[in-house]
Amino acid sequence: MLPQAITRVVAFLGVGVVNSLIDVIVFLLAMAMGVPPLAAHVLGFAAGGLNSFLMNGLVTFGRRLVDIVRWRTVVPFIGVLAVQFSIGTATFWLAHHATGWPILAKLMAIGITTVASFPLMRRVFAAAR
């Protein structure tokens, strides 16, 4: 049996993969519908962020829905998303303008924002008790 910390990291990585897939799929669908790249990035990020809140709270950190939808969890989570969004959007914008390839820029933005996510999310959901 794996220690709880390792189990949480593995769950977090799995949730991250799902979040990233949702983000990219929404991004590509929006682009296919004619939404400009930066706006499509925002839509994809928002969809992945909502999934992140639910799955990390419920699956990774094992909280009940009633526990994670409280202000003391939602507000810090929005703060974490704001940091991730700022870093990810700056990365997306720079990479898109440097390469001209929106999908490459999107993948780079996802990679950059993933790095600091676990410690930040752990702090958010630790308070959800």
N, C-alpha and C. Protein backbone atom coordinates (compact mmCIF):
# COMPACT_ATOMS: atom_id res chain seq x y z
N MET A 1 0.85 -1.18 0.00
CA MET A 1 0.00 0.00 0.00
C MET A 1 0.89 1.24 0.00
N LEU A 2 0.58 2.17 -0.87
CA LEU A 2 1.38 3.38 -0.99
C LEU A 2 1.06 4.37 0.13
N PRO A 3 2.08 5.11 0.58
CA PRO A 3 1.82 6.16 1.57
C PRO A 3 0.85 7.20 0.98
N GLN A 4 0.10 7.83 1.87
CA GLN A 4 -0.92 8.79 1.45
C GLN A 4 -0.35 9.91 0.58
N ALA A 5 0.84 10.40 0.89
CA ALA A 5 1.43 11.49 0.11
C ALA A 5 1.67 11.07 -1.33
N ILE A 6 2.16 9.85 -1.53
CA ILE A 6 2.41 9.36 -2.89
C ILE A 6 1.09 9.14 -3.62
N THR A 7 0.11 8.59 -2.93
CA THR A 7 -1.20 8.39 -3.53
C THR A 7 -1.80 9.72 -3.99
N ARG A 8 -1.64 10.75 -3.18
CA ARG A 8 -2.16 12.06 -3.55
C ARG A 8 -1.44 12.64 -4.77
N VAL A 9 -0.14 12.48 -4.83
CA VAL A 9 0.61 12.99 -5.98
C VAL A 9 0.18 12.26 -7.25
N VAL A 10 0.02 10.94 -7.17
CA VAL A 10 -0.43 10.16 -8.33
C VAL A 10 -1.83 10.60 -8.75
N ALA A 11 -2.73 10.77 -7.79
CA ALA A 11 -4.09 11.24 -8.11
C ALA A 11 -4.04 12.64 -8.71
N PHE A 12 -3.20 13.51 -8.16
CA PHE A 12 -3.07 14.87 -8.66
C PHE A 12 -2.59 14.85 -10.11
N LEU A 13 -1.63 14.01 -10.41
CA LEU A 13 -1.13 13.92 -11.79
C LEU A 13 -2.22 13.41 -12.74
N GLY A 14 -2.99 12.43 -12.29
CA GLY A 14 -4.10 11.93 -13.10
C GLY A 14 -5.14 12.99 -13.36
N VAL A 15 -5.50 13.73 -12.31
CA VAL A 15 -6.45 14.82 -12.46
C VAL A 15 -5.87 15.88 -13.40
N GLY A 16 -4.57 16.14 -13.27
CA GLY A 16 -3.92 17.11 -14.14
C GLY A 16 -4.00 16.73 -15.61
N VAL A 17 -3.85 15.44 -15.89
CA VAL A 17 -3.97 14.97 -17.27
C VAL A 17 -5.39 15.23 -17.79
N VAL A 18 -6.38 14.90 -16.97
CA VAL A 18 -7.78 15.14 -17.37
C VAL A 18 -8.03 16.63 -17.56
N ASN A 19 -7.55 17.46 -16.63
CA ASN A 19 -7.71 18.91 -16.76
C ASN A 19 -7.09 19.42 -18.06
N SER A 20 -5.89 18.93 -18.34
CA SER A 20 -5.19 19.36 -19.55
C SER A 20 -5.94 18.95 -20.81
N LEU A 21 -6.47 17.74 -20.80
CA LEU A 21 -7.25 17.28 -21.96
C LEU A 21 -8.50 18.14 -22.15
N ILE A 22 -9.20 18.43 -21.06
CA ILE A 22 -10.38 19.29 -21.15
C ILE A 22 -9.97 20.66 -21.67
N ASP A 23 -8.91 21.22 -21.13
CA ASP A 23 -8.41 22.53 -21.55
C ASP A 23 -8.12 22.54 -23.04
N VAL A 24 -7.37 21.56 -23.53
CA VAL A 24 -6.99 21.52 -24.95
C VAL A 24 -8.20 21.27 -25.85
N ILE A 25 -9.09 20.39 -25.44
CA ILE A 25 -10.27 20.10 -26.27
C ILE A 25 -11.15 21.33 -26.39
N VAL A 26 -11.42 22.01 -25.28
CA VAL A 26 -12.23 23.23 -25.33
C VAL A 26 -11.52 24.29 -26.17
N PHE A 27 -10.21 24.43 -26.00
CA PHE A 27 -9.41 25.37 -26.78
C PHE A 27 -9.55 25.08 -28.28
N LEU A 28 -9.36 23.82 -28.68
CA LEU A 28 -9.44 23.46 -30.10
C LEU A 28 -10.85 23.65 -30.66
N LEU A 29 -11.86 23.29 -29.87
CA LEU A 29 -13.25 23.49 -30.32
C LEU A 29 -13.55 24.97 -30.51
N ALA A 30 -13.12 25.78 -29.56
CA ALA A 30 -13.34 27.23 -29.68
C ALA A 30 -12.63 27.79 -30.90
N MET A 31 -11.38 27.36 -31.12
CA MET A 31 -10.64 27.82 -32.30
C MET A 31 -11.36 27.39 -33.58
N ALA A 32 -11.87 26.16 -33.60
CA ALA A 32 -12.58 25.65 -34.78
C ALA A 32 -13.85 26.45 -35.06
N MET A 33 -14.41 27.04 -34.00
CA MET A 33 -15.63 27.86 -34.17
C MET A 33 -15.29 29.31 -34.47
N GLY A 34 -14.01 29.61 -34.66
CA GLY A 34 -13.62 30.95 -35.03
C GLY A 34 -13.28 31.88 -33.88
N VAL A 35 -13.20 31.35 -32.68
CA VAL A 35 -12.83 32.17 -31.52
C VAL A 35 -11.33 32.49 -31.64
N PRO A 36 -10.94 33.75 -31.43
CA PRO A 36 -9.52 34.09 -31.50
C PRO A 36 -8.69 33.29 -30.48
N PRO A 37 -7.41 33.03 -30.79
CA PRO A 37 -6.58 32.16 -29.94
C PRO A 37 -6.54 32.54 -28.46
N LEU A 38 -6.38 33.81 -28.14
CA LEU A 38 -6.29 34.19 -26.73
C LEU A 38 -7.61 33.94 -25.99
N ALA A 39 -8.72 34.26 -26.63
CA ALA A 39 -10.03 34.00 -26.03
C ALA A 39 -10.27 32.49 -25.89
N ALA A 40 -9.83 31.71 -26.88
CA ALA A 40 -9.97 30.26 -26.81
C ALA A 40 -9.13 29.71 -25.66
N HIS A 41 -7.95 30.29 -25.45
CA HIS A 41 -7.10 29.91 -24.32
C HIS A 41 -7.84 30.14 -23.00
N VAL A 42 -8.48 31.28 -22.87
CA VAL A 42 -9.21 31.61 -21.64
C VAL A 42 -10.35 30.62 -21.41
N LEU A 43 -11.11 30.29 -22.45
CA LEU A 43 -12.21 29.34 -22.32
C LEU A 43 -11.70 27.95 -21.90
N GLY A 44 -10.63 27.49 -22.54
CA GLY A 44 -10.06 26.20 -22.19
C GLY A 44 -9.57 26.18 -20.76
N PHE A 45 -8.88 27.25 -20.36
CA PHE A 45 -8.36 27.33 -18.99
C PHE A 45 -9.51 27.29 -17.98
N ALA A 46 -10.58 28.01 -18.26
CA ALA A 46 -11.73 28.05 -17.34
C ALA A 46 -12.36 26.66 -17.20
N ALA A 47 -12.51 25.95 -18.30
CA ALA A 47 -13.10 24.61 -18.25
C ALA A 47 -12.21 23.65 -17.47
N GLY A 48 -10.91 23.70 -17.74
CA GLY A 48 -9.97 22.85 -17.00
C GLY A 48 -9.92 23.23 -15.53
N GLY A 49 -10.02 24.53 -15.24
CA GLY A 49 -10.00 25.01 -13.85
C GLY A 49 -11.19 24.52 -13.05
N LEU A 50 -12.36 24.55 -13.65
CA LEU A 50 -13.56 24.06 -12.96
C LEU A 50 -13.41 22.57 -12.66
N ASN A 51 -12.94 21.82 -13.64
CA ASN A 51 -12.71 20.39 -13.42
C ASN A 51 -11.66 20.18 -12.33
N SER A 52 -10.62 20.99 -12.34
CA SER A 52 -9.57 20.88 -11.33
C SER A 52 -10.12 21.07 -9.93
N PHE A 53 -10.96 22.06 -9.76
CA PHE A 53 -11.54 22.31 -8.44
C PHE A 53 -12.31 21.09 -7.95
N LEU A 54 -13.18 20.57 -8.79
CA LEU A 54 -14.01 19.45 -8.39
C LEU A 54 -13.20 18.17 -8.18
N MET A 55 -12.38 17.80 -9.17
CA MET A 55 -11.66 16.52 -9.08
C MET A 55 -10.55 16.55 -8.02
N ASN A 56 -9.83 17.66 -7.90
CA ASN A 56 -8.79 17.70 -6.87
C ASN A 56 -9.41 17.68 -5.48
N GLY A 57 -10.48 18.43 -5.31
CA GLY A 57 -11.14 18.42 -4.01
C GLY A 57 -11.71 17.07 -3.65
N LEU A 58 -12.41 16.45 -4.59
CA LEU A 58 -13.10 15.20 -4.31
C LEU A 58 -12.20 13.98 -4.39
N VAL A 59 -11.34 13.92 -5.41
CA VAL A 59 -10.54 12.72 -5.65
C VAL A 59 -9.16 12.82 -5.00
N THR A 60 -8.39 13.83 -5.37
CA THR A 60 -7.01 13.92 -4.89
C THR A 60 -6.95 14.10 -3.38
N PHE A 61 -7.78 15.01 -2.85
CA PHE A 61 -7.69 15.32 -1.42
C PHE A 61 -8.83 14.74 -0.61
N GLY A 62 -9.71 13.95 -1.26
CA GLY A 62 -10.72 13.17 -0.58
C GLY A 62 -11.71 13.96 0.26
N ARG A 63 -12.07 15.14 -0.18
CA ARG A 63 -13.04 15.93 0.57
C ARG A 63 -14.43 15.68 0.00
N ARG A 64 -15.43 16.02 0.80
CA ARG A 64 -16.82 15.91 0.33
C ARG A 64 -17.18 17.21 -0.39
N LEU A 65 -18.12 17.13 -1.32
CA LEU A 65 -18.54 18.30 -2.08
C LEU A 65 -18.99 19.42 -1.14
N VAL A 66 -19.72 19.06 -0.10
CA VAL A 66 -20.19 20.07 0.86
C VAL A 66 -19.02 20.79 1.54
N ASP A 67 -17.89 20.11 1.67
CA ASP A 67 -16.72 20.73 2.30
C ASP A 67 -15.95 21.64 1.36
N ILE A 68 -15.92 21.31 0.06
CA ILE A 68 -15.11 22.12 -0.86
C ILE A 68 -15.84 23.33 -1.43
N VAL A 69 -17.15 23.38 -1.33
CA VAL A 69 -17.87 24.53 -1.89
C VAL A 69 -18.06 25.65 -0.87
N ARG A 70 -17.25 25.65 0.15
CA ARG A 70 -17.30 26.72 1.15
C ARG A 70 -16.36 27.84 0.75
N TRP A 71 -16.65 29.04 1.23
CA TRP A 71 -15.84 30.21 0.90
C TRP A 71 -14.37 30.02 1.26
N ARG A 72 -14.09 29.35 2.36
CA ARG A 72 -12.70 29.20 2.80
C ARG A 72 -11.90 28.28 1.87
N THR A 73 -12.58 27.56 0.99
CA THR A 73 -11.91 26.76 -0.03
C THR A 73 -11.98 27.44 -1.39
N VAL A 74 -13.14 27.96 -1.73
CA VAL A 74 -13.36 28.57 -3.06
C VAL A 74 -12.46 29.79 -3.25
N VAL A 75 -12.40 30.67 -2.28
CA VAL A 75 -11.62 31.91 -2.45
C VAL A 75 -10.13 31.62 -2.63
N PRO A 76 -9.49 30.78 -1.79
CA PRO A 76 -8.09 30.47 -2.04
C PRO A 76 -7.87 29.75 -3.38
N PHE A 77 -8.82 28.89 -3.77
CA PHE A 77 -8.70 28.20 -5.06
C PHE A 77 -8.71 29.22 -6.19
N ILE A 78 -9.59 30.20 -6.11
CA ILE A 78 -9.63 31.24 -7.14
C ILE A 78 -8.30 32.00 -7.16
N GLY A 79 -7.71 32.20 -6.00
CA GLY A 79 -6.39 32.84 -5.93
C GLY A 79 -5.33 32.02 -6.65
N VAL A 80 -5.34 30.70 -6.42
CA VAL A 80 -4.40 29.80 -7.10
C VAL A 80 -4.64 29.86 -8.60
N LEU A 81 -5.90 29.80 -9.01
CA LEU A 81 -6.21 29.88 -10.44
C LEU A 81 -5.76 31.20 -11.04
N ALA A 82 -5.89 32.28 -10.29
CA ALA A 82 -5.46 33.58 -10.80
C ALA A 82 -3.96 33.60 -11.06
N VAL A 83 -3.19 33.00 -10.15
CA VAL A 83 -1.74 32.91 -10.35
C VAL A 83 -1.44 32.04 -11.57
N GLN A 84 -2.07 30.87 -11.64
CA GLN A 84 -1.86 29.98 -12.77
C GLN A 84 -2.29 30.64 -14.08
N PHE A 85 -3.43 31.33 -14.05
CA PHE A 85 -3.94 31.98 -15.25
C PHE A 85 -2.97 33.07 -15.72
N SER A 86 -2.45 33.84 -14.80
CA SER A 86 -1.51 34.92 -15.16
C SER A 86 -0.26 34.34 -15.81
N ILE A 87 0.32 33.34 -15.18
CA ILE A 87 1.53 32.73 -15.72
C ILE A 87 1.23 32.03 -17.04
N GLY A 88 0.15 31.27 -17.08
CA GLY A 88 -0.21 30.53 -18.29
C GLY A 88 -0.56 31.44 -19.45
N THR A 89 -1.26 32.51 -19.17
CA THR A 89 -1.66 33.41 -20.25
C THR A 89 -0.46 34.19 -20.79
N ALA A 90 0.43 34.60 -19.90
CA ALA A 90 1.65 35.27 -20.36
C ALA A 90 2.48 34.31 -21.21
N THR A 91 2.60 33.07 -20.77
CA THR A 91 3.33 32.06 -21.54
C THR A 91 2.66 31.84 -22.88
N PHE A 92 1.34 31.68 -22.87
CA PHE A 92 0.59 31.47 -24.13
C PHE A 92 0.82 32.62 -25.09
N TRP A 93 0.66 33.84 -24.61
CA TRP A 93 0.79 35.01 -25.47
C TRP A 93 2.18 35.09 -26.08
N LEU A 94 3.20 34.94 -25.23
CA LEU A 94 4.58 35.02 -25.72
C LEU A 94 4.89 33.90 -26.72
N ALA A 95 4.50 32.68 -26.38
CA ALA A 95 4.78 31.54 -27.26
C ALA A 95 4.01 31.65 -28.57
N HIS A 96 2.76 32.10 -28.48
CA HIS A 96 1.96 32.24 -29.71
C HIS A 96 2.58 33.28 -30.63
N HIS A 97 3.00 34.39 -30.07
CA HIS A 97 3.60 35.44 -30.90
C HIS A 97 4.99 35.04 -31.41
N ALA A 98 5.70 34.22 -30.66
CA ALA A 98 7.03 33.78 -31.08
C ALA A 98 6.97 32.70 -32.16
N THR A 99 5.97 31.80 -32.05
CA THR A 99 5.92 30.65 -32.97
C THR A 99 4.82 30.78 -34.02
N GLY A 100 3.75 31.49 -33.68
CA GLY A 100 2.60 31.55 -34.59
C GLY A 100 1.73 30.30 -34.53
N TRP A 101 2.03 29.39 -33.63
CA TRP A 101 1.28 28.14 -33.50
C TRP A 101 0.51 28.14 -32.19
N PRO A 102 -0.80 28.39 -32.25
CA PRO A 102 -1.59 28.45 -31.01
C PRO A 102 -1.55 27.15 -30.20
N ILE A 103 -1.57 25.99 -30.83
CA ILE A 103 -1.60 24.75 -30.07
C ILE A 103 -0.27 24.53 -29.34
N LEU A 104 0.84 24.87 -29.96
CA LEU A 104 2.13 24.77 -29.28
C LEU A 104 2.17 25.72 -28.08
N ALA A 105 1.66 26.93 -28.28
CA ALA A 105 1.61 27.90 -27.18
C ALA A 105 0.73 27.39 -26.05
N LYS A 106 -0.39 26.75 -26.38
CA LYS A 106 -1.29 26.20 -25.37
C LYS A 106 -0.60 25.11 -24.56
N LEU A 107 0.09 24.21 -25.24
CA LEU A 107 0.77 23.13 -24.54
C LEU A 107 1.90 23.67 -23.66
N MET A 108 2.60 24.67 -24.11
CA MET A 108 3.65 25.29 -23.29
C MET A 108 3.05 25.94 -22.05
N ALA A 109 1.92 26.61 -22.22
CA ALA A 109 1.25 27.26 -21.08
C ALA A 109 0.81 26.23 -20.05
N ILE A 110 0.27 25.11 -20.51
CA ILE A 110 -0.16 24.05 -19.60
C ILE A 110 1.06 23.51 -18.83
N GLY A 111 2.14 23.28 -19.52
CA GLY A 111 3.34 22.76 -18.88
C GLY A 111 3.88 23.69 -17.80
N ILE A 112 3.92 24.96 -18.10
CA ILE A 112 4.45 25.94 -17.14
C ILE A 112 3.57 26.02 -15.89
N THR A 113 2.26 26.03 -16.07
CA THR A 113 1.37 26.19 -14.92
C THR A 113 1.27 24.93 -14.06
N THR A 114 1.65 23.80 -14.61
CA THR A 114 1.58 22.55 -13.87
C THR A 114 2.63 22.47 -12.77
N VAL A 115 3.76 23.10 -12.98
CA VAL A 115 4.91 22.95 -12.09
C VAL A 115 4.59 23.25 -10.62
N ALA A 116 3.95 24.37 -10.34
CA ALA A 116 3.73 24.77 -8.94
C ALA A 116 2.35 24.40 -8.41
N SER A 117 1.59 23.69 -9.20
CA SER A 117 0.19 23.45 -8.83
C SER A 117 -0.01 22.61 -7.58
N PHE A 118 0.71 21.50 -7.43
CA PHE A 118 0.42 20.60 -6.32
C PHE A 118 0.59 21.26 -4.95
N PRO A 119 1.71 21.94 -4.68
CA PRO A 119 1.83 22.55 -3.35
C PRO A 119 0.75 23.60 -3.09
N LEU A 120 0.37 24.32 -4.13
CA LEU A 120 -0.67 25.34 -3.95
C LEU A 120 -2.03 24.69 -3.69
N MET A 121 -2.37 23.66 -4.46
CA MET A 121 -3.66 22.98 -4.28
C MET A 121 -3.72 22.28 -2.93
N ARG A 122 -2.62 21.71 -2.50
CA ARG A 122 -2.61 21.02 -1.21
C ARG A 122 -2.98 21.99 -0.09
N ARG A 123 -2.47 23.21 -0.17
CA ARG A 123 -2.80 24.22 0.84
C ARG A 123 -4.28 24.60 0.80
N VAL A 124 -4.83 24.71 -0.40
CA VAL A 124 -6.24 25.08 -0.54
C VAL A 124 -7.14 24.02 0.07
N PHE A 125 -6.92 22.77 -0.31
CA PHE A 125 -7.83 21.71 0.11
C PHE A 125 -7.53 21.19 1.50
N ALA A 126 -6.38 21.50 2.06
CA ALA A 126 -6.10 21.13 3.45
C ALA A 126 -7.07 21.85 4.38
N ALA A 127 -7.48 23.05 3.99
CA ALA A 127 -8.40 23.84 4.80
C ALA A 127 -9.85 23.38 4.67
N ALA A 128 -10.14 22.53 3.70
CA ALA A 128 -11.52 22.10 3.43
C ALA A 128 -11.90 20.92 4.30
N ARG A 129 -12.04 21.18 5.56
CA ARG A 129 -12.42 20.10 6.50
C ARG A 129 -13.57 20.53 7.35
